[in-house]
Full PDB file with SEQRES, HELIX, SHEET, SSBOND, CRYST1, ORIGX, SCALE, CONECT and MASTER records, all heavy atoms in Angstrom:
SEQRES   1 A   40  GLY GLY LEU THR GLU ASP GLU LEU GLY GLY LEU TRP ILE          
SEQRES   2 A   40  GLN LEU GLY ALA GLY GLY VAL ASP ARG TYR ASP PRO GLU          
SEQRES   3 A   40  ARG GLU ILE PHE THR HIS TYR SER LEU THR PRO PRO GLY          
SEQRES   4 A   40  ALA                                                          
SHEET    1 AA1 4 GLY A   2  GLU A   5  0                                        
SHEET    2 AA1 4 LEU A  11  GLN A  14 -1                                        
SHEET    3 AA1 4 GLY A  19  ASP A  24 -1                                        
SHEET    4 AA1 4 ILE A  29  SER A  34 -1                                        
CRYST1    1.000    1.000    1.000  90.00  90.00  90.00 P 1           1          
ORIGX1      1.000000  0.000000  0.000000        0.00000                         
ORIGX2      0.000000  1.000000  0.000000        0.00000                         
ORIGX3      0.000000  0.000000  1.000000        0.00000                         
SCALE1      1.000000  0.000000  0.000000        0.00000                         
SCALE2      0.000000  1.000000  0.000000        0.00000                         
SCALE3      0.000000  0.000000  1.000000        0.00000                         
ATOM      1  N   GLY A   1     106.320  85.102 103.843  1.00  0.00           N  
ATOM      2  CA  GLY A   1     105.696  86.040 104.771  1.00  0.00           C  
ATOM      3  C   GLY A   1     104.633  86.933 104.175  1.00  0.00           C  
ATOM      4  O   GLY A   1     103.879  87.573 104.901  1.00  0.00           O  
ATOM      5  N   GLY A   2     104.569  87.022 102.839  1.00  0.00           N  
ATOM      6  CA  GLY A   2     103.587  87.888 102.214  1.00  0.00           C  
ATOM      7  C   GLY A   2     103.407  87.544 100.749  1.00  0.00           C  
ATOM      8  O   GLY A   2     104.323  87.015 100.110  1.00  0.00           O  
ATOM      9  N   LEU A   3     102.221  87.862 100.191  1.00  0.00           N  
ATOM     10  CA  LEU A   3     101.894  87.549  98.801  1.00  0.00           C  
ATOM     11  C   LEU A   3     101.196  88.737  98.156  1.00  0.00           C  
ATOM     12  O   LEU A   3     100.315  89.355  98.759  1.00  0.00           O  
ATOM     13  CB  LEU A   3     100.971  86.328  98.731  1.00  0.00           C  
ATOM     14  CG  LEU A   3     101.519  85.005  99.280  1.00  0.00           C  
ATOM     15  CD1 LEU A   3     100.394  83.979  99.390  1.00  0.00           C  
ATOM     16  CD2 LEU A   3     102.632  84.478  98.393  1.00  0.00           C  
ATOM     17  N   THR A   4     101.569  89.032  96.901  1.00  0.00           N  
ATOM     18  CA  THR A   4     100.948  90.109  96.132  1.00  0.00           C  
ATOM     19  C   THR A   4     100.875  89.663  94.675  1.00  0.00           C  
ATOM     20  O   THR A   4     101.831  89.077  94.162  1.00  0.00           O  
ATOM     21  CB  THR A   4     101.770  91.414  96.217  1.00  0.00           C  
ATOM     22  OG1 THR A   4     101.911  91.790  97.591  1.00  0.00           O  
ATOM     23  CG2 THR A   4     101.110  92.546  95.448  1.00  0.00           C  
ATOM     24  N   GLU A   5      99.767  89.949  93.990  1.00  0.00           N  
ATOM     25  CA  GLU A   5      99.631  89.615  92.575  1.00  0.00           C  
ATOM     26  C   GLU A   5      99.779  90.877  91.739  1.00  0.00           C  
ATOM     27  O   GLU A   5      99.178  91.913  92.051  1.00  0.00           O  
ATOM     28  CB  GLU A   5      98.268  88.973  92.307  1.00  0.00           C  
ATOM     29  CG  GLU A   5      98.111  88.468  90.870  1.00  0.00           C  
ATOM     30  CD  GLU A   5      96.761  87.824  90.608  1.00  0.00           C  
ATOM     31  OE1 GLU A   5      95.807  88.142  91.355  1.00  0.00           O  
ATOM     32  OE2 GLU A   5      96.646  87.015  89.673  1.00  0.00           O  
ATOM     33  N   ASP A   6     100.573  90.813  90.652  1.00  0.00           N  
ATOM     34  CA  ASP A   6     100.715  91.963  89.772  1.00  0.00           C  
ATOM     35  C   ASP A   6      99.709  91.887  88.627  1.00  0.00           C  
ATOM     36  O   ASP A   6      98.953  90.924  88.498  1.00  0.00           O  
ATOM     37  CB  ASP A   6     102.155  92.120  89.274  1.00  0.00           C  
ATOM     38  CG  ASP A   6     102.631  90.979  88.382  1.00  0.00           C  
ATOM     39  OD1 ASP A   6     101.812  90.417  87.626  1.00  0.00           O  
ATOM     40  OD2 ASP A   6     103.832  90.645  88.423  1.00  0.00           O  
ATOM     41  N   GLU A   7      99.687  92.921  87.778  1.00  0.00           N  
ATOM     42  CA  GLU A   7      98.654  92.997  86.742  1.00  0.00           C  
ATOM     43  C   GLU A   7      98.817  91.940  85.650  1.00  0.00           C  
ATOM     44  O   GLU A   7      97.873  91.684  84.886  1.00  0.00           O  
ATOM     45  CB  GLU A   7      98.629  94.386  86.117  1.00  0.00           C  
ATOM     46  CG  GLU A   7      99.812  94.719  85.231  1.00  0.00           C  
ATOM     47  CD  GLU A   7      99.527  95.938  84.351  1.00  0.00           C  
ATOM     48  OE1 GLU A   7      98.406  96.472  84.394  1.00  0.00           O  
ATOM     49  OE2 GLU A   7     100.449  96.341  83.627  1.00  0.00           O  
ATOM     50  N   LEU A   8      99.990  91.318  85.572  1.00  0.00           N  
ATOM     51  CA  LEU A   8     100.215  90.259  84.591  1.00  0.00           C  
ATOM     52  C   LEU A   8      99.901  88.877  85.144  1.00  0.00           C  
ATOM     53  O   LEU A   8     100.068  87.874  84.448  1.00  0.00           O  
ATOM     54  CB  LEU A   8     101.667  90.307  84.098  1.00  0.00           C  
ATOM     55  CG  LEU A   8     102.121  91.615  83.453  1.00  0.00           C  
ATOM     56  CD1 LEU A   8     103.574  91.496  83.005  1.00  0.00           C  
ATOM     57  CD2 LEU A   8     101.218  91.995  82.281  1.00  0.00           C  
ATOM     58  N   GLY A   9      99.474  88.826  86.395  1.00  0.00           N  
ATOM     59  CA  GLY A   9      99.170  87.546  87.020  1.00  0.00           C  
ATOM     60  C   GLY A   9     100.348  86.925  87.741  1.00  0.00           C  
ATOM     61  O   GLY A   9     100.227  85.811  88.257  1.00  0.00           O  
ATOM     62  N   GLY A  10     101.482  87.613  87.784  1.00  0.00           N  
ATOM     63  CA  GLY A  10     102.634  87.117  88.529  1.00  0.00           C  
ATOM     64  C   GLY A  10     102.410  87.246  90.025  1.00  0.00           C  
ATOM     65  O   GLY A  10     101.760  88.178  90.499  1.00  0.00           O  
ATOM     66  N   LEU A  11     102.950  86.291  90.760  1.00  0.00           N  
ATOM     67  CA  LEU A  11     102.788  86.256  92.211  1.00  0.00           C  
ATOM     68  C   LEU A  11     104.100  86.655  92.867  1.00  0.00           C  
ATOM     69  O   LEU A  11     105.127  86.010  92.660  1.00  0.00           O  
ATOM     70  CB  LEU A  11     102.389  84.842  92.642  1.00  0.00           C  
ATOM     71  CG  LEU A  11     101.813  84.673  94.036  1.00  0.00           C  
ATOM     72  CD1 LEU A  11     100.484  85.411  94.158  1.00  0.00           C  
ATOM     73  CD2 LEU A  11     101.619  83.191  94.349  1.00  0.00           C  
ATOM     74  N   TRP A  12     104.069  87.740  93.661  1.00  0.00           N  
ATOM     75  CA  TRP A  12     105.252  88.243  94.363  1.00  0.00           C  
ATOM     76  C   TRP A  12     105.258  87.693  95.772  1.00  0.00           C  
ATOM     77  O   TRP A  12     104.254  87.753  96.479  1.00  0.00           O  
ATOM     78  CB  TRP A  12     105.262  89.761  94.367  1.00  0.00           C  
ATOM     79  CG  TRP A  12     105.490  90.317  92.991  1.00  0.00           C  
ATOM     80  CD1 TRP A  12     104.568  90.451  91.998  1.00  0.00           C  
ATOM     81  CD2 TRP A  12     106.734  90.756  92.450  1.00  0.00           C  
ATOM     82  NE1 TRP A  12     105.159  90.953  90.874  1.00  0.00           N  
ATOM     83  CE2 TRP A  12     106.486  91.161  91.114  1.00  0.00           C  
ATOM     84  CE3 TRP A  12     108.026  90.869  92.956  1.00  0.00           C  
ATOM     85  CZ2 TRP A  12     107.492  91.650  90.286  1.00  0.00           C  
ATOM     86  CZ3 TRP A  12     109.019  91.364  92.136  1.00  0.00           C  
ATOM     87  CH2 TRP A  12     108.757  91.747  90.820  1.00  0.00           C  
ATOM     88  N   ILE A  13     106.414  87.172  96.171  1.00  0.00           N  
ATOM     89  CA  ILE A  13     106.526  86.401  97.406  1.00  0.00           C  
ATOM     90  C   ILE A  13     107.588  87.029  98.293  1.00  0.00           C  
ATOM     91  O   ILE A  13     108.747  87.169  97.898  1.00  0.00           O  
ATOM     92  CB  ILE A  13     106.912  84.945  97.085  1.00  0.00           C  
ATOM     93  CG1 ILE A  13     105.854  84.325  96.167  1.00  0.00           C  
ATOM     94  CG2 ILE A  13     107.086  84.131  98.356  1.00  0.00           C  
ATOM     95  CD1 ILE A  13     106.379  83.196  95.325  1.00  0.00           C  
ATOM     96  N   GLN A  14     107.182  87.438  99.487  1.00  0.00           N  
ATOM     97  CA  GLN A  14     108.126  87.951 100.475  1.00  0.00           C  
ATOM     98  C   GLN A  14     108.752  86.776 101.215  1.00  0.00           C  
ATOM     99  O   GLN A  14     108.055  86.021 101.893  1.00  0.00           O  
ATOM    100  CB  GLN A  14     107.423  88.873 101.468  1.00  0.00           C  
ATOM    101  CG  GLN A  14     106.867  90.138 100.840  1.00  0.00           C  
ATOM    102  CD  GLN A  14     106.008  90.938 101.801  1.00  0.00           C  
ATOM    103  OE1 GLN A  14     104.906  91.372 101.457  1.00  0.00           O  
ATOM    104  NE2 GLN A  14     106.508  91.136 103.011  1.00  0.00           N  
ATOM    105  N   LEU A  15     110.069  86.639 101.068  1.00  0.00           N  
ATOM    106  CA  LEU A  15     110.782  85.553 101.717  1.00  0.00           C  
ATOM    107  C   LEU A  15     111.321  86.002 103.067  1.00  0.00           C  
ATOM    108  O   LEU A  15     111.280  87.184 103.412  1.00  0.00           O  
ATOM    109  CB  LEU A  15     111.912  85.067 100.809  1.00  0.00           C  
ATOM    110  CG  LEU A  15     111.463  84.521  99.446  1.00  0.00           C  
ATOM    111  CD1 LEU A  15     112.661  84.208  98.576  1.00  0.00           C  
ATOM    112  CD2 LEU A  15     110.584  83.291  99.611  1.00  0.00           C  
ATOM    113  N   GLY A  16     111.845  85.069 103.815  1.00  0.00           N  
ATOM    114  CA  GLY A  16     112.219  85.364 105.188  1.00  0.00           C  
ATOM    115  C   GLY A  16     113.450  86.209 105.366  1.00  0.00           C  
ATOM    116  O   GLY A  16     113.511  87.023 106.283  1.00  0.00           O  
ATOM    117  N   ALA A  17     114.448  86.075 104.517  1.00  0.00           N  
ATOM    118  CA  ALA A  17     115.716  86.764 104.763  1.00  0.00           C  
ATOM    119  C   ALA A  17     116.309  87.266 103.457  1.00  0.00           C  
ATOM    120  O   ALA A  17     116.860  86.502 102.672  1.00  0.00           O  
ATOM    121  CB  ALA A  17     116.712  85.834 105.459  1.00  0.00           C  
ATOM    122  N   GLY A  18     116.147  88.559 103.227  1.00  0.00           N  
ATOM    123  CA  GLY A  18     116.925  89.206 102.183  1.00  0.00           C  
ATOM    124  C   GLY A  18     116.458  89.046 100.767  1.00  0.00           C  
ATOM    125  O   GLY A  18     117.208  89.355  99.840  1.00  0.00           O  
ATOM    126  N   GLY A  19     115.237  88.601 100.532  1.00  0.00           N  
ATOM    127  CA  GLY A  19     114.872  88.403  99.146  1.00  0.00           C  
ATOM    128  C   GLY A  19     113.390  88.422  98.855  1.00  0.00           C  
ATOM    129  O   GLY A  19     112.551  88.343  99.754  1.00  0.00           O  
ATOM    130  N   VAL A  20     113.120  88.525  97.556  1.00  0.00           N  
ATOM    131  CA  VAL A  20     111.760  88.504  97.031  1.00  0.00           C  
ATOM    132  C   VAL A  20     111.785  87.599  95.802  1.00  0.00           C  
ATOM    133  O   VAL A  20     112.752  87.605  95.038  1.00  0.00           O  
ATOM    134  CB  VAL A  20     111.292  89.912  96.631  1.00  0.00           C  
ATOM    135  CG1 VAL A  20     109.967  89.872  95.891  1.00  0.00           C  
ATOM    136  CG2 VAL A  20     111.179  90.810  97.857  1.00  0.00           C  
ATOM    137  N   ASP A  21     110.723  86.828  95.604  1.00  0.00           N  
ATOM    138  CA  ASP A  21     110.563  86.031  94.392  1.00  0.00           C  
ATOM    139  C   ASP A  21     109.326  86.487  93.636  1.00  0.00           C  
ATOM    140  O   ASP A  21     108.350  86.962  94.233  1.00  0.00           O  
ATOM    141  CB  ASP A  21     110.387  84.542  94.728  1.00  0.00           C  
ATOM    142  CG  ASP A  21     111.705  83.832  94.976  1.00  0.00           C  
ATOM    143  OD1 ASP A  21     112.761  84.488  94.930  1.00  0.00           O  
ATOM    144  OD2 ASP A  21     111.670  82.613  95.214  1.00  0.00           O  
ATOM    145  N   ARG A  22     109.371  86.311  92.305  1.00  0.00           N  
ATOM    146  CA  ARG A  22     108.164  86.451  91.489  1.00  0.00           C  
ATOM    147  C   ARG A  22     107.911  85.111  90.811  1.00  0.00           C  
ATOM    148  O   ARG A  22     108.788  84.567  90.135  1.00  0.00           O  
ATOM    149  CB  ARG A  22     108.319  87.541  90.429  1.00  0.00           C  
ATOM    150  CG  ARG A  22     107.065  87.712  89.546  1.00  0.00           C  
ATOM    151  CD  ARG A  22     107.269  88.768  88.472  1.00  0.00           C  
ATOM    152  NE  ARG A  22     106.047  89.035  87.729  1.00  0.00           N  
ATOM    153  CZ  ARG A  22     105.674  88.408  86.601  1.00  0.00           C  
ATOM    154  NH1 ARG A  22     106.456  87.445  86.089  1.00  0.00           N  
ATOM    155  NH2 ARG A  22     104.543  88.719  85.993  1.00  0.00           N  
ATOM    156  N   TYR A  23     106.705  84.587  90.997  1.00  0.00           N  
ATOM    157  CA  TYR A  23     106.335  83.312  90.405  1.00  0.00           C  
ATOM    158  C   TYR A  23     105.498  83.557  89.167  1.00  0.00           C  
ATOM    159  O   TYR A  23     104.487  84.274  89.202  1.00  0.00           O  
ATOM    160  CB  TYR A  23     105.548  82.465  91.410  1.00  0.00           C  
ATOM    161  CG  TYR A  23     105.090  81.138  90.870  1.00  0.00           C  
ATOM    162  CD1 TYR A  23     106.006  80.160  90.501  1.00  0.00           C  
ATOM    163  CD2 TYR A  23     103.734  80.852  90.732  1.00  0.00           C  
ATOM    164  CE1 TYR A  23     105.582  78.928  90.013  1.00  0.00           C  
ATOM    165  CE2 TYR A  23     103.304  79.624  90.246  1.00  0.00           C  
ATOM    166  CZ  TYR A  23     104.238  78.668  89.885  1.00  0.00           C  
ATOM    167  OH  TYR A  23     103.821  77.454  89.393  1.00  0.00           O  
ATOM    168  N   ASP A  24     105.921  82.970  88.047  1.00  0.00           N  
ATOM    169  CA  ASP A  24     105.181  83.046  86.795  1.00  0.00           C  
ATOM    170  C   ASP A  24     104.331  81.778  86.694  1.00  0.00           C  
ATOM    171  O   ASP A  24     104.861  80.692  86.452  1.00  0.00           O  
ATOM    172  CB  ASP A  24     106.155  83.129  85.621  1.00  0.00           C  
ATOM    173  CG  ASP A  24     105.461  83.278  84.275  1.00  0.00           C  
ATOM    174  OD1 ASP A  24     104.295  82.844  84.146  1.00  0.00           O  
ATOM    175  OD2 ASP A  24     106.087  83.815  83.345  1.00  0.00           O  
ATOM    176  N   PRO A  25     102.993  81.882  86.882  1.00  0.00           N  
ATOM    177  CA  PRO A  25     102.177  80.673  86.903  1.00  0.00           C  
ATOM    178  C   PRO A  25     102.036  79.997  85.541  1.00  0.00           C  
ATOM    179  O   PRO A  25     101.691  78.813  85.479  1.00  0.00           O  
ATOM    180  CB  PRO A  25     100.814  81.178  87.403  1.00  0.00           C  
ATOM    181  CG  PRO A  25     100.796  82.619  87.052  1.00  0.00           C  
ATOM    182  CD  PRO A  25     102.214  83.091  87.148  1.00  0.00           C  
ATOM    183  N   GLU A  26     102.288  80.719  84.461  1.00  0.00           N  
ATOM    184  CA  GLU A  26     102.212  80.108  83.137  1.00  0.00           C  
ATOM    185  C   GLU A  26     103.440  79.254  82.858  1.00  0.00           C  
ATOM    186  O   GLU A  26     103.343  78.124  82.376  1.00  0.00           O  
ATOM    187  CB  GLU A  26     102.071  81.195  82.068  1.00  0.00           C  
ATOM    188  CG  GLU A  26     100.806  82.042  82.211  1.00  0.00           C  
ATOM    189  CD  GLU A  26      99.541  81.228  82.034  1.00  0.00           C  
ATOM    190  OE1 GLU A  26      99.572  80.242  81.270  1.00  0.00           O  
ATOM    191  OE2 GLU A  26      98.519  81.571  82.662  1.00  0.00           O  
ATOM    192  N   ARG A  27     104.612  79.802  83.164  1.00  0.00           N  
ATOM    193  CA  ARG A  27     105.865  79.074  82.936  1.00  0.00           C  
ATOM    194  C   ARG A  27     106.258  78.215  84.136  1.00  0.00           C  
ATOM    195  O   ARG A  27     107.156  77.376  84.040  1.00  0.00           O  
ATOM    196  CB  ARG A  27     106.986  80.065  82.613  1.00  0.00           C  
ATOM    197  CG  ARG A  27     106.701  80.922  81.381  1.00  0.00           C  
ATOM    198  CD  ARG A  27     107.639  82.111  81.315  1.00  0.00           C  
ATOM    199  NE  ARG A  27     109.030  81.704  81.196  1.00  0.00           N  
ATOM    200  CZ  ARG A  27     110.064  82.485  81.489  1.00  0.00           C  
ATOM    201  NH1 ARG A  27     109.859  83.715  81.972  1.00  0.00           N  
ATOM    202  NH2 ARG A  27     111.287  82.043  81.331  1.00  0.00           N  
ATOM    203  N   GLU A  28     105.637  78.468  85.284  1.00  0.00           N  
ATOM    204  CA  GLU A  28     105.896  77.737  86.519  1.00  0.00           C  
ATOM    205  C   GLU A  28     107.357  77.844  86.943  1.00  0.00           C  
ATOM    206  O   GLU A  28     107.987  76.849  87.312  1.00  0.00           O  
ATOM    207  CB  GLU A  28     105.454  76.274  86.399  1.00  0.00           C  
ATOM    208  CG  GLU A  28     103.959  76.115  86.180  1.00  0.00           C  
ATOM    209  CD  GLU A  28     103.480  74.685  86.360  1.00  0.00           C  
ATOM    210  OE1 GLU A  28     104.319  73.764  86.248  1.00  0.00           O  
ATOM    211  OE2 GLU A  28     102.277  74.490  86.626  1.00  0.00           O  
ATOM    212  N   ILE A  29     107.890  79.053  86.893  1.00  0.00           N  
ATOM    213  CA  ILE A  29     109.251  79.300  87.361  1.00  0.00           C  
ATOM    214  C   ILE A  29     109.266  80.532  88.268  1.00  0.00           C  
ATOM    215  O   ILE A  29     108.380  81.383  88.195  1.00  0.00           O  
ATOM    216  CB  ILE A  29     110.250  79.506  86.197  1.00  0.00           C  
ATOM    217  CG1 ILE A  29     109.869  80.730  85.369  1.00  0.00           C  
ATOM    218  CG2 ILE A  29     110.328  78.249  85.332  1.00  0.00           C  
ATOM    219  CD1 ILE A  29     110.921  81.079  84.337  1.00  0.00           C  
ATOM    220  N   PHE A  30     110.289  80.588  89.121  1.00  0.00           N  
ATOM    221  CA  PHE A  30     110.469  81.698  90.045  1.00  0.00           C  
ATOM    222  C   PHE A  30     111.652  82.553  89.577  1.00  0.00           C  
ATOM    223  O   PHE A  30     112.684  82.024  89.160  1.00  0.00           O  
ATOM    224  CB  PHE A  30     110.765  81.192  91.454  1.00  0.00           C  
ATOM    225  CG  PHE A  30     109.610  80.509  92.124  1.00  0.00           C  
ATOM    226  CD1 PHE A  30     109.336  79.167  91.870  1.00  0.00           C  
ATOM    227  CD2 PHE A  30     108.799  81.191  93.013  1.00  0.00           C  
ATOM    228  CE1 PHE A  30     108.276  78.525  92.492  1.00  0.00           C  
ATOM    229  CE2 PHE A  30     107.731  80.559  93.637  1.00  0.00           C  
ATOM    230  CZ  PHE A  30     107.472  79.225  93.366  1.00  0.00           C  
ATOM    231  N   THR A  31     111.503  83.871  89.668  1.00  0.00           N  
ATOM    232  CA  THR A  31     112.604  84.810  89.467  1.00  0.00           C  
ATOM    233  C   THR A  31     112.996  85.339  90.831  1.00  0.00           C  
ATOM    234  O   THR A  31     112.145  85.756  91.619  1.00  0.00           O  
ATOM    235  CB  THR A  31     112.187  85.977  88.559  1.00  0.00           C  
ATOM    236  OG1 THR A  31     111.783  85.470  87.285  1.00  0.00           O  
ATOM    237  CG2 THR A  31     113.334  86.961  88.365  1.00  0.00           C  
ATOM    238  N   HIS A  32     114.301  85.332  91.116  1.00  0.00           N  
ATOM    239  CA  HIS A  32     114.790  85.749  92.428  1.00  0.00           C  
ATOM    240  C   HIS A  32     115.325  87.184  92.370  1.00  0.00           C  
ATOM    241  O   HIS A  32     115.994  87.570  91.412  1.00  0.00           O  
ATOM    242  CB  HIS A  32     115.909  84.826  92.899  1.00  0.00           C  
ATOM    243  CG  HIS A  32     115.578  83.366  92.815  1.00  0.00           C  
ATOM    244  ND1 HIS A  32     114.473  82.818  93.441  1.00  0.00           N  
ATOM    245  CD2 HIS A  32     116.186  82.339  92.163  1.00  0.00           C  
ATOM    246  CE1 HIS A  32     114.426  81.521  93.178  1.00  0.00           C  
ATOM    247  NE2 HIS A  32     115.453  81.211  92.407  1.00  0.00           N  
ATOM    248  N   TYR A  33     115.033  87.953  93.421  1.00  0.00           N  
ATOM    249  CA  TYR A  33     115.535  89.324  93.565  1.00  0.00           C  
ATOM    250  C   TYR A  33     116.263  89.402  94.898  1.00  0.00           C  
ATOM    251  O   TYR A  33     115.646  89.271  95.958  1.00  0.00           O  
ATOM    252  CB  TYR A  33     114.398  90.339  93.544  1.00  0.00           C  
ATOM    253  CG  TYR A  33     113.574  90.308  92.272  1.00  0.00           C  
ATOM    254  CD1 TYR A  33     112.502  89.421  92.145  1.00  0.00           C  
ATOM    255  CD2 TYR A  33     113.859  91.140  91.214  1.00  0.00           C  
ATOM    256  CE1 TYR A  33     111.745  89.369  90.991  1.00  0.00           C  
ATOM    257  CE2 TYR A  33     113.106  91.106  90.046  1.00  0.00           C  
ATOM    258  CZ  TYR A  33     112.058  90.216  89.945  1.00  0.00           C  
ATOM    259  OH  TYR A  33     111.303  90.175  88.797  1.00  0.00           O  
ATOM    260  N   SER A  34     117.569  89.615  94.837  1.00  0.00           N  
ATOM    261  CA  SER A  34     118.357  89.788  96.053  1.00  0.00           C  
ATOM    262  C   SER A  34     118.516  91.276  96.310  1.00  0.00           C  
ATOM    263  O   SER A  34     119.113  92.001  95.514  1.00  0.00           O  
ATOM    264  CB  SER A  34     119.729  89.120  95.906  1.00  0.00           C  
ATOM    265  OG  SER A  34     120.485  89.293  97.093  1.00  0.00           O  
ATOM    266  N   LEU A  35     117.967  91.752  97.407  1.00  0.00           N  
ATOM    267  CA  LEU A  35     117.957  93.181  97.706  1.00  0.00           C  
ATOM    268  C   LEU A  35     119.094  93.604  98.628  1.00  0.00           C  
ATOM    269  O   LEU A  35     119.322  94.791  98.809  1.00  0.00           O  
ATOM    270  CB  LEU A  35     116.621  93.563  98.357  1.00  0.00           C  
ATOM    271  CG  LEU A  35     115.348  93.106  97.633  1.00  0.00           C  
ATOM    272  CD1 LEU A  35     114.116  93.552  98.415  1.00  0.00           C  
ATOM    273  CD2 LEU A  35     115.299  93.638  96.220  1.00  0.00           C  
ATOM    274  N   THR A  36     119.810  92.648  99.193  1.00  0.00           N  
ATOM    275  CA  THR A  36     120.815  92.954 100.210  1.00  0.00           C  
ATOM    276  C   THR A  36     122.155  93.329  99.571  1.00  0.00           C  
ATOM    277  O   THR A  36     122.710  92.533  98.804  1.00  0.00           O  
ATOM    278  CB  THR A  36     121.019  91.743 101.135  1.00  0.00           C  
ATOM    279  OG1 THR A  36     119.756  91.357 101.689  1.00  0.00           O  
ATOM    280  CG2 THR A  36     121.989  92.081 102.254  1.00  0.00           C  
ATOM    281  N   PRO A  37     122.680  94.524  99.852  1.00  0.00           N  
ATOM    282  CA  PRO A  37     124.007  94.898  99.334  1.00  0.00           C  
ATOM    283  C   PRO A  37     125.089  93.988  99.903  1.00  0.00           C  
ATOM    284  O   PRO A  37     124.926  93.420 100.993  1.00  0.00           O  
ATOM    285  CB  PRO A  37     124.179  96.340  99.830  1.00  0.00           C  
ATOM    286  CG  PRO A  37     122.813  96.814 100.193  1.00  0.00           C  
ATOM    287  CD  PRO A  37     122.068  95.598 100.652  1.00  0.00           C  
ATOM    288  N   PRO A  38     126.202  93.839  99.191  1.00  0.00           N  
ATOM    289  CA  PRO A  38     127.297  93.001  99.693  1.00  0.00           C  
ATOM    290  C   PRO A  38     127.774  93.472 101.071  1.00  0.00           C  
ATOM    291  O   PRO A  38     127.974  94.658 101.309  1.00  0.00           O  
ATOM    292  CB  PRO A  38     128.399  93.202  98.638  1.00  0.00           C  
ATOM    293  CG  PRO A  38     127.664  93.572  97.393  1.00  0.00           C  
ATOM    294  CD  PRO A  38     126.488  94.387  97.841  1.00  0.00           C  
ATOM    295  N   GLY A  39     127.926  92.532 101.979  1.00  0.00           N  
ATOM    296  CA  GLY A  39     128.427  92.827 103.312  1.00  0.00           C  
ATOM    297  C   GLY A  39     127.401  93.375 104.275  1.00  0.00           C  
ATOM    298  O   GLY A  39     127.711  93.601 105.447  1.00  0.00           O  
ATOM    299  N   ALA A  40     126.171  93.592 103.832  1.00  0.00           N  
ATOM    300  CA  ALA A  40     125.140  94.160 104.694  1.00  0.00           C  
ATOM    301  C   ALA A  40     124.294  93.052 105.321  1.00  0.00           C  
ATOM    302  O   ALA A  40     124.307  91.908 104.878  1.00  0.00           O  
ATOM    303  CB  ALA A  40     124.247  95.112 103.903  1.00  0.00           C  
TER     304      ALA A  40                                                      
MASTER        0    0    0    0    4    0    0    6  303    1    0    4          
END                                                                             
């Protein structure tokens, strides 16, 4: 749903439900961030 680039060249990705990813274009891997508290 959305894209933002940080100063290191990482790509931040707004996902549809409950999460954000950061894509490292050099290593070609995604880091996942789960923002939703348990049970919420």
